[in-house]
Amino acid sequence: MSRRQRAEIDAMVRRPQPEAPRSVEEIRAGFRAMMREMIVPAGIRTRTVTLGDRPAVLVEPVGTPKAGTILYFHGGSYVVGSPETAMSLTGNLVTKTGFRAFSLDYRLAPEYPFPAAIEDGVSAYRALLDSGEDPSAIAFAGDSAGGGLTVTTCLAARDASLPMPAAIVAFSPGLDMTRTGESMDTKAGIDPFFTREGLEHTGTMYLAGQDPHQPMLSPATLADLTGFPPMLLQAGTNEILLDDSTRMATRAREAGVDVNLDITADVPHVFQAFAGVLDEADEALDRAALFLSQHIRTRGTARTSAG
């Protein structure tokens, strides 16, 4: 266990909270600056494509990719972020599995509030299916808000009578816009990134007046997960969103869904992004890659480079 590494990461990300809420532009600029510090692995190649109705970044390993596709959803509270800010995560999944990944540039609030991001996720998944990809060869993965999208996109796809993907991997997913998890209070001050007030500030932009008490906004407490694919939920003990994962795991088990709840001690929200700096980040990504490799199956269907 790398106690010194974890302490250094905590000190690095623990910044004084501004007295007044920041503007959207300030939040986005700060997030881009922070994520530029993350290490993107060598051994990948990228290009911008179109997937469904949105731009996406196709991330492939150097050489010939294995048959199989990861549809990745970046984090950022539905307000900030892009495929570029999540490249340390997407790149590591690609290099560790050998699969290609499409990182979706879904629409963001407040310009495009709920349910725009979910609509974009379903459109992207439908485009992969229409390109000839078998659903058993597709997995959803994402971090933070994007981790939430792995679940809500599955819900919306099921409602649209689309087949389920092979698996879901979610890093520190946001799964409860009602913010009723006990960790919202028990981890206050321990979480170096988030406060309840900060989440309410960005959450209001995404909700745009919608009641958060509905499955597409709070699946950890309200969604029917019947028929869902196997899920891997990874989180750290130093985050106020911890109970989003623990309650989702319980709900999945009760629905008969195979679920792995993977909790790492003394690490922050989306600690996997610190791969190359934090041993636990690399180890968690190894476990995520193994999970994806075990569940993505190919049946000899045609592969295309959608877009």
C-alpha atoms as a PDB file:
ATOM      1  CA  MET A   1       0.000   0.000   0.000  1.00  0.00           C
ATOM      2  CA  SER A   2       1.432   3.367  -1.026  1.00  0.00           C
ATOM      3  CA  ARG A   3       0.516   5.552   1.948  1.00  0.00           C
ATOM      4  CA  ARG A   4       3.023   8.227   0.970  1.00  0.00           C
ATOM      5  CA  GLN A   5       1.697   8.370  -2.602  1.00  0.00           C
ATOM      6  CA  ARG A   6      -1.869   8.670  -1.360  1.00  0.00           C
ATOM      7  CA  ALA A   7      -0.937  11.459   1.042  1.00  0.00           C
ATOM      8  CA  GLU A   8       0.878  13.338  -1.728  1.00  0.00           C
ATOM      9  CA  ILE A   9      -2.108  13.019  -4.081  1.00  0.00           C
ATOM     10  CA  ASP A  10      -4.467  14.257  -1.367  1.00  0.00           C
ATOM     11  CA  ALA A  11      -2.270  17.281  -0.664  1.00  0.00           C
ATOM     12  CA  MET A  12      -1.961  18.051  -4.365  1.00  0.00           C
ATOM     13  CA  VAL A  13      -5.684  18.059  -5.105  1.00  0.00           C
ATOM     14  CA  ARG A  14      -6.879  19.594  -1.852  1.00  0.00           C
ATOM     15  CA  ARG A  15      -7.395  23.216  -2.808  1.00  0.00           C
ATOM     16  CA  PRO A  16      -9.201  25.999  -0.921  1.00  0.00           C
ATOM     17  CA  GLN A  17     -12.823  26.252  -2.008  1.00  0.00           C
ATOM     18  CA  PRO A  18     -13.819  29.615  -3.537  1.00  0.00           C
ATOM     19  CA  GLU A  19     -16.152  31.710  -1.400  1.00  0.00           C
ATOM     20  CA  ALA A  20     -18.558  32.349  -4.270  1.00  0.00           C
ATOM     21  CA  PRO A  21     -19.746  29.808  -6.868  1.00  0.00           C
ATOM     22  CA  ARG A  22     -17.562  29.836  -9.956  1.00  0.00           C
ATOM     23  CA  SER A  23     -18.898  30.506 -13.423  1.00  0.00           C
ATOM     24  CA  VAL A  24     -19.206  27.707 -15.962  1.00  0.00           C
ATOM     25  CA  GLU A  25     -16.212  29.078 -17.830  1.00  0.00           C
ATOM     26  CA  GLU A  26     -14.087  29.108 -14.668  1.00  0.00           C
ATOM     27  CA  ILE A  27     -15.104  25.572 -13.734  1.00  0.00           C
ATOM     28  CA  ARG A  28     -14.310  24.285 -17.223  1.00  0.00           C
ATOM     29  CA  ALA A  29     -10.940  26.027 -17.380  1.00  0.00           C
ATOM     30  CA  GLY A  30      -9.943  24.731 -13.960  1.00  0.00           C
ATOM     31  CA  PHE A  31     -10.923  21.173 -14.836  1.00  0.00           C
ATOM     32  CA  ARG A  32      -8.963  21.252 -18.110  1.00  0.00           C
ATOM     33  CA  ALA A  33      -5.899  22.532 -16.276  1.00  0.00           C
ATOM     34  CA  MET A  34      -6.109  19.820 -13.632  1.00  0.00           C
ATOM     35  CA  MET A  35      -6.608  16.977 -16.105  1.00  0.00           C
ATOM     36  CA  ARG A  36      -3.679  18.134 -18.241  1.00  0.00           C
ATOM     37  CA  GLU A  37      -1.477  17.025 -15.345  1.00  0.00           C
ATOM     38  CA  MET A  38      -2.559  13.376 -15.710  1.00  0.00           C
ATOM     39  CA  ILE A  39      -0.258  10.950 -17.496  1.00  0.00           C
ATOM     40  CA  VAL A  40      -1.522   9.657 -20.830  1.00  0.00           C
ATOM     41  CA  PRO A  41       0.088   6.306 -21.650  1.00  0.00           C
ATOM     42  CA  ALA A  42       2.245   5.792 -24.693  1.00  0.00           C
ATOM     43  CA  GLY A  43       1.209   3.202 -27.216  1.00  0.00           C
ATOM     44  CA  ILE A  44      -2.088   4.700 -28.387  1.00  0.00           C
ATOM     45  CA  ARG A  45      -3.197   6.541 -31.485  1.00  0.00           C
ATOM     46  CA  THR A  46      -6.232   8.821 -31.654  1.00  0.00           C
ATOM     47  CA  ARG A  47      -8.414  10.502 -34.220  1.00  0.00           C
ATOM     48  CA  THR A  48     -11.679  12.417 -34.155  1.00  0.00           C
ATOM     49  CA  VAL A  49     -14.699  10.679 -35.657  1.00  0.00           C
ATOM     50  CA  THR A  50     -18.468  11.016 -35.589  1.00  0.00           C
ATOM     51  CA  LEU A  51     -20.493   8.542 -33.564  1.00  0.00           C
ATOM     52  CA  GLY A  52     -24.234   8.920 -33.779  1.00  0.00           C
ATOM     53  CA  ASP A  53     -24.935  12.635 -33.676  1.00  0.00           C
ATOM     54  CA  ARG A  54     -21.776  13.664 -31.839  1.00  0.00           C
ATOM     55  CA  PRO A  55     -18.014  13.920 -32.218  1.00  0.00           C
ATOM     56  CA  ALA A  56     -15.968  11.241 -30.504  1.00  0.00           C
ATOM     57  CA  VAL A  57     -12.301  10.371 -30.182  1.00  0.00           C
ATOM     58  CA  LEU A  58     -11.353   6.916 -31.417  1.00  0.00           C
ATOM     59  CA  VAL A  59      -8.534   5.587 -29.238  1.00  0.00           C
ATOM     60  CA  GLU A  60      -6.698   2.517 -30.493  1.00  0.00           C
ATOM     61  CA  PRO A  61      -3.610   0.634 -29.397  1.00  0.00           C
ATOM     62  CA  VAL A  62      -0.603   0.872 -31.659  1.00  0.00           C
ATOM     63  CA  GLY A  63      -0.730  -2.238 -33.791  1.00  0.00           C
ATOM     64  CA  THR A  64      -3.824  -4.299 -34.470  1.00  0.00           C
ATOM     65  CA  PRO A  65      -6.637  -3.874 -31.921  1.00  0.00           C
ATOM     66  CA  LYS A  66      -8.389  -6.902 -30.512  1.00  0.00           C
ATOM     67  CA  ALA A  67     -11.974  -7.364 -31.637  1.00  0.00           C
ATOM     68  CA  GLY A  68     -14.112  -5.512 -29.138  1.00  0.00           C
ATOM     69  CA  THR A  69     -15.105  -1.938 -28.338  1.00  0.00           C
ATOM     70  CA  ILE A  70     -15.280   0.247 -25.235  1.00  0.00           C
ATOM     71  CA  LEU A  71     -17.778   3.100 -25.365  1.00  0.00           C
ATOM     72  CA  TYR A  72     -16.319   5.615 -22.903  1.00  0.00           C
ATOM     73  CA  PHE A  73     -18.120   8.485 -21.150  1.00  0.00           C
ATOM     74  CA  HIS A  74     -15.896  11.178 -19.597  1.00  0.00           C
ATOM     75  CA  GLY A  75     -16.553  12.762 -16.225  1.00  0.00           C
ATOM     76  CA  GLY A  76     -17.187  16.365 -15.268  1.00  0.00           C
ATOM     77  CA  SER A  77     -20.526  16.703 -13.441  1.00  0.00           C
ATOM     78  CA  TYR A  78     -22.306  16.876 -16.843  1.00  0.00           C
ATOM     79  CA  VAL A  79     -20.976  20.446 -17.085  1.00  0.00           C
ATOM     80  CA  VAL A  80     -17.248  20.142 -17.871  1.00  0.00           C
ATOM     81  CA  GLY A  81     -14.863  17.691 -19.486  1.00  0.00           C
ATOM     82  CA  SER A  82     -14.227  16.138 -22.869  1.00  0.00           C
ATOM     83  CA  PRO A  83     -12.636  13.048 -24.386  1.00  0.00           C
ATOM     84  CA  GLU A  84      -9.292  14.823 -24.008  1.00  0.00           C
ATOM     85  CA  THR A  85      -9.657  15.377 -20.249  1.00  0.00           C
ATOM     86  CA  ALA A  86     -10.350  11.657 -19.753  1.00  0.00           C
ATOM     87  CA  MET A  87      -7.527  10.425 -21.986  1.00  0.00           C
ATOM     88  CA  SER A  88      -5.427   9.065 -19.111  1.00  0.00           C
ATOM     89  CA  LEU A  89      -8.312   6.732 -18.254  1.00  0.00           C
ATOM     90  CA  THR A  90      -9.373   5.815 -21.771  1.00  0.00           C
ATOM     91  CA  GLY A  91      -5.779   5.377 -22.915  1.00  0.00           C
ATOM     92  CA  ASN A  92      -4.960   3.061 -20.038  1.00  0.00           C
ATOM     93  CA  LEU A  93      -8.022   0.895 -20.663  1.00  0.00           C
ATOM     94  CA  VAL A  94      -7.033   0.623 -24.326  1.00  0.00           C
ATOM     95  CA  THR A  95      -3.397  -0.257 -23.668  1.00  0.00           C
ATOM     96  CA  LYS A  96      -4.266  -2.716 -20.913  1.00  0.00           C
ATOM     97  CA  THR A  97      -7.005  -4.548 -22.861  1.00  0.00           C
ATOM     98  CA  GLY A  98      -5.970  -4.178 -26.497  1.00  0.00           C
ATOM     99  CA  PHE A  99      -9.536  -3.082 -27.370  1.00  0.00           C
ATOM    100  CA  ARG A 100     -10.359   0.127 -29.181  1.00  0.00           C
ATOM    101  CA  ALA A 101     -12.416   2.790 -27.428  1.00  0.00           C
ATOM    102  CA  PHE A 102     -14.731   5.539 -28.589  1.00  0.00           C
ATOM    103  CA  SER A 103     -14.709   8.419 -26.106  1.00  0.00           C
ATOM    104  CA  LEU A 104     -17.919  10.346 -26.663  1.00  0.00           C
ATOM    105  CA  ASP A 105     -18.078  14.146 -26.686  1.00  0.00           C
ATOM    106  CA  TYR A 106     -21.629  14.305 -25.373  1.00  0.00           C
ATOM    107  CA  ARG A 107     -23.497  17.583 -24.905  1.00  0.00           C
ATOM    108  CA  LEU A 108     -22.976  19.442 -21.618  1.00  0.00           C
ATOM    109  CA  ALA A 109     -25.150  21.498 -19.290  1.00  0.00           C
ATOM    110  CA  PRO A 110     -26.171  24.217 -18.780  1.00  0.00           C
ATOM    111  CA  GLU A 111     -26.409  24.681 -22.544  1.00  0.00           C
ATOM    112  CA  TYR A 112     -27.825  21.160 -22.928  1.00  0.00           C
ATOM    113  CA  PRO A 113     -29.264  19.883 -19.634  1.00  0.00           C
ATOM    114  CA  PHE A 114     -30.816  16.513 -18.797  1.00  0.00           C
ATOM    115  CA  PRO A 115     -31.521  14.315 -20.725  1.00  0.00           C
ATOM    116  CA  ALA A 116     -29.230  15.457 -23.580  1.00  0.00           C
ATOM    117  CA  ALA A 117     -26.176  13.467 -22.423  1.00  0.00           C
ATOM    118  CA  ILE A 118     -28.215  10.273 -22.149  1.00  0.00           C
ATOM    119  CA  GLU A 119     -29.716  10.815 -25.584  1.00  0.00           C
ATOM    120  CA  ASP A 120     -26.216  11.197 -27.007  1.00  0.00           C
ATOM    121  CA  GLY A 121     -25.100   8.003 -25.276  1.00  0.00           C
ATOM    122  CA  VAL A 122     -27.941   5.987 -26.766  1.00  0.00           C
ATOM    123  CA  SER A 123     -27.331   7.494 -30.206  1.00  0.00           C
ATOM    124  CA  ALA A 124     -23.660   6.508 -30.013  1.00  0.00           C
ATOM    125  CA  TYR A 125     -24.491   2.970 -28.900  1.00  0.00           C
ATOM    126  CA  ARG A 126     -27.061   2.617 -31.668  1.00  0.00           C
ATOM    127  CA  ALA A 127     -24.447   3.767 -34.205  1.00  0.00           C
ATOM    128  CA  LEU A 128     -22.060   1.049 -33.043  1.00  0.00           C
ATOM    129  CA  LEU A 129     -24.778  -1.580 -33.377  1.00  0.00           C
ATOM    130  CA  ASP A 130     -25.793  -0.257 -36.797  1.00  0.00           C
ATOM    131  CA  SER A 131     -22.151  -0.467 -37.925  1.00  0.00           C
ATOM    132  CA  GLY A 132     -22.254  -4.229 -37.410  1.00  0.00           C
ATOM    133  CA  GLU A 133     -20.788  -4.466 -33.908  1.00  0.00           C
ATOM    134  CA  ASP A 134     -22.298  -7.248 -31.831  1.00  0.00           C
ATOM    135  CA  PRO A 135     -23.538  -6.067 -28.406  1.00  0.00           C
ATOM    136  CA  SER A 136     -21.537  -8.877 -26.788  1.00  0.00           C
ATOM    137  CA  ALA A 137     -18.398  -7.125 -28.095  1.00  0.00           C
ATOM    138  CA  ILE A 138     -19.271  -3.704 -26.615  1.00  0.00           C
ATOM    139  CA  ALA A 139     -18.750  -2.513 -23.052  1.00  0.00           C
ATOM    140  CA  PHE A 140     -19.661   0.811 -21.480  1.00  0.00           C
ATOM    141  CA  ALA A 141     -17.089   2.538 -19.269  1.00  0.00           C
ATOM    142  CA  GLY A 142     -16.929   5.954 -17.677  1.00  0.00           C
ATOM    143  CA  ASP A 143     -15.880   8.054 -14.710  1.00  0.00           C
ATOM    144  CA  SER A 144     -17.845  10.273 -12.329  1.00  0.00           C
ATOM    145  CA  ALA A 145     -20.800  11.704 -14.291  1.00  0.00           C
ATOM    146  CA  GLY A 146     -19.678   9.462 -17.147  1.00  0.00           C
ATOM    147  CA  GLY A 147     -19.878   6.532 -14.770  1.00  0.00           C
ATOM    148  CA  GLY A 148     -23.469   7.529 -14.173  1.00  0.00           C
ATOM    149  CA  LEU A 149     -24.013   7.596 -17.928  1.00  0.00           C
ATOM    150  CA  THR A 150     -22.888   3.975 -18.220  1.00  0.00           C
ATOM    151  CA  VAL A 151     -25.960   3.090 -16.158  1.00  0.00           C
ATOM    152  CA  THR A 152     -28.507   5.584 -17.459  1.00  0.00           C
ATOM    153  CA  THR A 153     -27.526   4.934 -21.085  1.00  0.00           C
ATOM    154  CA  CYS A 154     -28.172   1.245 -20.402  1.00  0.00           C
ATOM    155  CA  LEU A 155     -31.572   2.110 -18.922  1.00  0.00           C
ATOM    156  CA  ALA A 156     -32.473   4.237 -21.941  1.00  0.00           C
ATOM    157  CA  ALA A 157     -31.173   1.616 -24.376  1.00  0.00           C
ATOM    158  CA  ARG A 158     -33.298  -1.037 -22.685  1.00  0.00           C
ATOM    159  CA  ASP A 159     -36.337   1.269 -22.871  1.00  0.00           C
ATOM    160  CA  ALA A 160     -35.628   1.620 -26.604  1.00  0.00           C
ATOM    161  CA  SER A 161     -35.579  -2.200 -26.953  1.00  0.00           C
ATOM    162  CA  LEU A 162     -31.869  -2.230 -27.793  1.00  0.00           C
ATOM    163  CA  PRO A 163     -29.778  -5.192 -26.650  1.00  0.00           C
ATOM    164  CA  MET A 164     -27.660  -4.759 -23.552  1.00  0.00           C
ATOM    165  CA  PRO A 165     -23.887  -4.310 -23.887  1.00  0.00           C
ATOM    166  CA  ALA A 166     -21.531  -6.959 -22.549  1.00  0.00           C
ATOM    167  CA  ALA A 167     -20.500  -5.121 -19.393  1.00  0.00           C
ATOM    168  CA  ILE A 168     -20.335  -1.847 -17.468  1.00  0.00           C
ATOM    169  CA  VAL A 169     -17.246  -0.390 -15.778  1.00  0.00           C
ATOM    170  CA  ALA A 170     -17.820   2.732 -13.701  1.00  0.00           C
ATOM    171  CA  PHE A 171     -15.126   4.711 -11.870  1.00  0.00           C
ATOM    172  CA  SER A 172     -16.560   6.699  -8.918  1.00  0.00           C
ATOM    173  CA  PRO A 173     -19.929   6.986 -10.657  1.00  0.00           C
ATOM    174  CA  GLY A 174     -22.446   9.689  -9.832  1.00  0.00           C
ATOM    175  CA  LEU A 175     -25.693   7.770  -9.468  1.00  0.00           C
ATOM    176  CA  ASP A 176     -27.925   9.797  -7.160  1.00  0.00           C
ATOM    177  CA  MET A 177     -28.919  13.368  -7.931  1.00  0.00           C
ATOM    178  CA  THR A 178     -31.030  13.428  -4.738  1.00  0.00           C
ATOM    179  CA  ARG A 179     -27.699  13.386  -2.826  1.00  0.00           C
ATOM    180  CA  THR A 180     -29.151  11.239  -0.024  1.00  0.00           C
ATOM    181  CA  GLY A 181     -26.215   8.873   0.505  1.00  0.00           C
ATOM    182  CA  GLU A 182     -24.777   8.881   4.025  1.00  0.00           C
ATOM    183  CA  SER A 183     -21.296   9.477   2.601  1.00  0.00           C
ATOM    184  CA  MET A 184     -22.439  12.930   1.496  1.00  0.00           C
ATOM    185  CA  ASP A 185     -22.129  13.837   5.176  1.00  0.00           C
ATOM    186  CA  THR A 186     -19.721  11.272   6.641  1.00  0.00           C
ATOM    187  CA  LYS A 187     -17.059  12.048   4.017  1.00  0.00           C
ATOM    188  CA  ALA A 188     -17.535  15.820   4.074  1.00  0.00           C
ATOM    189  CA  GLY A 189     -14.143  17.404   4.633  1.00  0.00           C
ATOM    190  CA  ILE A 190     -12.414  14.121   3.852  1.00  0.00           C
ATOM    191  CA  ASP A 191     -13.211  14.403   0.137  1.00  0.00           C
ATOM    192  CA  PRO A 192     -10.524  16.687  -1.340  1.00  0.00           C
ATOM    193  CA  PHE A 193     -12.545  17.481  -4.462  1.00  0.00           C
ATOM    194  CA  PHE A 194     -16.238  17.862  -3.689  1.00  0.00           C
ATOM    195  CA  THR A 195     -18.578  19.556  -1.265  1.00  0.00           C
ATOM    196  CA  ARG A 196     -22.351  19.243  -1.156  1.00  0.00           C
ATOM    197  CA  GLU A 197     -22.602  22.898  -2.165  1.00  0.00           C
ATOM    198  CA  GLY A 198     -20.336  22.403  -5.169  1.00  0.00           C
ATOM    199  CA  LEU A 199     -22.303  19.403  -6.386  1.00  0.00           C
ATOM    200  CA  GLU A 200     -25.560  21.281  -5.945  1.00  0.00           C
ATOM    201  CA  HIS A 201     -24.160  24.163  -8.028  1.00  0.00           C
ATOM    202  CA  THR A 202     -23.367  21.979 -11.048  1.00  0.00           C
ATOM    203  CA  GLY A 203     -26.302  19.653 -10.389  1.00  0.00           C
ATOM    204  CA  THR A 204     -28.735  22.535 -10.733  1.00  0.00           C
ATOM    205  CA  MET A 205     -27.318  23.230 -14.192  1.00  0.00           C
ATOM    206  CA  TYR A 206     -27.883  19.631 -15.274  1.00  0.00           C
ATOM    207  CA  LEU A 207     -31.315  19.252 -13.694  1.00  0.00           C
ATOM    208  CA  ALA A 208     -32.698  22.502 -15.164  1.00  0.00           C
ATOM    209  CA  GLY A 209     -35.719  22.274 -12.878  1.00  0.00           C
ATOM    210  CA  GLN A 210     -36.289  18.537 -13.229  1.00  0.00           C
ATOM    211  CA  ASP A 211     -37.194  16.489 -10.141  1.00  0.00           C
ATOM    212  CA  PRO A 212     -34.129  14.372  -9.260  1.00  0.00           C
ATOM    213  CA  HIS A 213     -36.388  11.634  -7.875  1.00  0.00           C
ATOM    214  CA  GLN A 214     -36.542   9.632 -11.098  1.00  0.00           C
ATOM    215  CA  PRO A 215     -34.584   6.595 -12.310  1.00  0.00           C
ATOM    216  CA  MET A 216     -32.634   8.415 -15.016  1.00  0.00           C
ATOM    217  CA  LEU A 217     -31.298  10.888 -12.459  1.00  0.00           C
ATOM    218  CA  SER A 218     -30.979   8.725  -9.356  1.00  0.00           C
ATOM    219  CA  PRO A 219     -30.590   5.119 -10.532  1.00  0.00           C
ATOM    220  CA  ALA A 220     -28.803   4.039  -7.340  1.00  0.00           C
ATOM    221  CA  THR A 221     -32.079   4.375  -5.449  1.00  0.00           C
ATOM    222  CA  LEU A 222     -34.828   4.272  -8.068  1.00  0.00           C
ATOM    223  CA  ALA A 223     -33.832   2.289 -11.171  1.00  0.00           C
ATOM    224  CA  ASP A 224     -35.062  -1.166 -12.126  1.00  0.00           C
ATOM    225  CA  LEU A 225     -31.847  -2.946 -13.138  1.00  0.00           C
ATOM    226  CA  THR A 226     -33.496  -6.129 -14.371  1.00  0.00           C
ATOM    227  CA  GLY A 227     -31.566  -7.633 -17.272  1.00  0.00           C
ATOM    228  CA  PHE A 228     -28.495  -5.451 -16.817  1.00  0.00           C
ATOM    229  CA  PRO A 229     -25.072  -6.738 -17.862  1.00  0.00           C
ATOM    230  CA  PRO A 230     -22.312  -7.511 -15.330  1.00  0.00           C
ATOM    231  CA  MET A 231     -21.050  -4.389 -13.584  1.00  0.00           C
ATOM    232  CA  LEU A 232     -17.771  -3.314 -12.008  1.00  0.00           C
ATOM    233  CA  LEU A 233     -18.060  -0.324  -9.688  1.00  0.00           C
ATOM    234  CA  GLN A 234     -14.812   1.194  -8.396  1.00  0.00           C
ATOM    235  CA  ALA A 235     -14.642   3.964  -5.810  1.00  0.00           C
ATOM    236  CA  GLY A 236     -12.432   5.323  -3.035  1.00  0.00           C
ATOM    237  CA  THR A 237     -13.219   5.744   0.639  1.00  0.00           C
ATOM    238  CA  ASN A 238     -12.308   9.453   0.534  1.00  0.00           C
ATOM    239  CA  GLU A 239     -15.247  10.591  -1.564  1.00  0.00           C
ATOM    240  CA  ILE A 240     -18.685  11.884  -0.722  1.00  0.00           C
ATOM    241  CA  LEU A 241     -20.147   9.937  -3.666  1.00  0.00           C
ATOM    242  CA  LEU A 242     -18.995   6.605  -2.184  1.00  0.00           C
ATOM    243  CA  ASP A 243     -22.523   5.516  -1.291  1.00  0.00           C
ATOM    244  CA  ASP A 244     -23.658   6.028  -4.881  1.00  0.00           C
ATOM    245  CA  SER A 245     -21.580   2.936  -5.671  1.00  0.00           C
ATOM    246  CA  THR A 246     -22.415   0.927  -2.563  1.00  0.00           C
ATOM    247  CA  ARG A 247     -26.168   1.430  -2.991  1.00  0.00           C
ATOM    248  CA  MET A 248     -25.993   0.697  -6.715  1.00  0.00           C
ATOM    249  CA  ALA A 249     -24.192  -2.572  -5.958  1.00  0.00           C
ATOM    250  CA  THR A 250     -26.912  -3.567  -3.497  1.00  0.00           C
ATOM    251  CA  ARG A 251     -29.638  -2.654  -5.977  1.00  0.00           C
ATOM    252  CA  ALA A 252     -27.908  -4.634  -8.731  1.00  0.00           C
ATOM    253  CA  ARG A 253     -27.554  -7.735  -6.557  1.00  0.00           C
ATOM    254  CA  GLU A 254     -31.220  -7.535  -5.600  1.00  0.00           C
ATOM    255  CA  ALA A 255     -32.098  -7.448  -9.325  1.00  0.00           C
ATOM    256  CA  GLY A 256     -30.019 -10.561 -10.005  1.00  0.00           C
ATOM    257  CA  VAL A 257     -27.221  -8.661 -11.741  1.00  0.00           C
ATOM    258  CA  ASP A 258     -23.613  -9.789 -11.407  1.00  0.00           C
ATOM    259  CA  VAL A 259     -21.787  -6.910  -9.740  1.00  0.00           C
ATOM    260  CA  ASN A 260     -18.284  -6.351  -8.407  1.00  0.00           C
ATOM    261  CA  LEU A 261     -17.955  -3.569  -5.835  1.00  0.00           C
ATOM    262  CA  ASP A 262     -14.279  -2.571  -5.695  1.00  0.00           C
ATOM    263  CA  ILE A 263     -13.464  -0.058  -2.940  1.00  0.00           C
ATOM    264  CA  THR A 264      -9.933   1.261  -2.360  1.00  0.00           C
ATOM    265  CA  ALA A 265      -8.980   2.850   0.967  1.00  0.00           C
ATOM    266  CA  ASP A 266      -7.809   6.432   1.396  1.00  0.00           C
ATOM    267  CA  VAL A 267      -8.029   7.483  -2.241  1.00  0.00           C
ATOM    268  CA  PRO A 268     -10.120  10.271  -3.799  1.00  0.00           C
ATOM    269  CA  HIS A 269     -12.768  10.508  -6.470  1.00  0.00           C
ATOM    270  CA  VAL A 270     -11.657   8.920  -9.781  1.00  0.00           C
ATOM    271  CA  PHE A 271      -8.282   8.028  -8.317  1.00  0.00           C
ATOM    272  CA  GLN A 272      -7.643   5.852 -11.397  1.00  0.00           C
ATOM    273  CA  ALA A 273      -6.758   9.030 -13.299  1.00  0.00           C
ATOM    274  CA  PHE A 274      -3.517   9.163 -11.285  1.00  0.00           C
ATOM    275  CA  ALA A 275      -2.112   6.106 -13.070  1.00  0.00           C
ATOM    276  CA  GLY A 276       1.654   6.311 -13.258  1.00  0.00           C
ATOM    277  CA  VAL A 277       1.782   8.267  -9.996  1.00  0.00           C
ATOM    278  CA  LEU A 278      -0.369   6.238  -7.597  1.00  0.00           C
ATOM    279  CA  ASP A 279       0.131   2.473  -7.384  1.00  0.00           C
ATOM    280  CA  GLU A 280      -3.516   1.909  -6.463  1.00  0.00           C
ATOM    281  CA  ALA A 281      -4.587   3.660  -9.654  1.00  0.00           C
ATOM    282  CA  ASP A 282      -2.597   1.300 -11.864  1.00  0.00           C
ATOM    283  CA  GLU A 283      -3.796  -1.715  -9.898  1.00  0.00           C
ATOM    284  CA  ALA A 284      -7.434  -0.644 -10.169  1.00  0.00           C
ATOM    285  CA  LEU A 285      -7.078  -0.149 -13.910  1.00  0.00           C
ATOM    286  CA  ASP A 286      -5.536  -3.625 -14.167  1.00  0.00           C
ATOM    287  CA  ARG A 287      -8.619  -5.038 -12.440  1.00  0.00           C
ATOM    288  CA  ALA A 288     -10.922  -3.055 -14.722  1.00  0.00           C
ATOM    289  CA  ALA A 289      -9.047  -4.280 -17.799  1.00  0.00           C
ATOM    290  CA  LEU A 290      -9.291  -7.881 -16.625  1.00  0.00           C
ATOM    291  CA  PHE A 291     -13.027  -7.466 -16.042  1.00  0.00           C
ATOM    292  CA  LEU A 292     -13.511  -6.062 -19.543  1.00  0.00           C
ATOM    293  CA  SER A 293     -11.406  -8.809 -21.120  1.00  0.00           C
ATOM    294  CA  GLN A 294     -13.429 -11.457 -19.326  1.00  0.00           C
ATOM    295  CA  HIS A 295     -16.797 -10.090 -20.445  1.00  0.00           C
ATOM    296  CA  ILE A 296     -16.290  -8.709 -23.951  1.00  0.00           C
ATOM    297  CA  ARG A 297     -17.010 -11.505 -26.384  1.00  0.00           C
ATOM    298  CA  THR A 298     -16.788 -11.528 -30.167  1.00  0.00           C
ATOM    299  CA  ARG A 299     -18.772 -13.718 -32.505  1.00  0.00           C
ATOM    300  CA  GLY A 300     -17.001 -13.106 -35.763  1.00  0.00           C
ATOM    301  CA  THR A 301     -19.115 -10.088 -36.638  1.00  0.00           C
ATOM    302  CA  ALA A 302     -17.824  -7.470 -39.046  1.00  0.00           C
ATOM    303  CA  ARG A 303     -15.740  -4.680 -37.549  1.00  0.00           C
ATOM    304  CA  THR A 304     -15.915  -1.153 -38.874  1.00  0.00           C
ATOM    305  CA  SER A 305     -14.294   2.084 -37.808  1.00  0.00           C
ATOM    306  CA  ALA A 306     -17.646   3.865 -37.273  1.00  0.00           C
ATOM    307  CA  GLY A 307     -17.426   7.471 -38.273  1.00  0.00           C
END
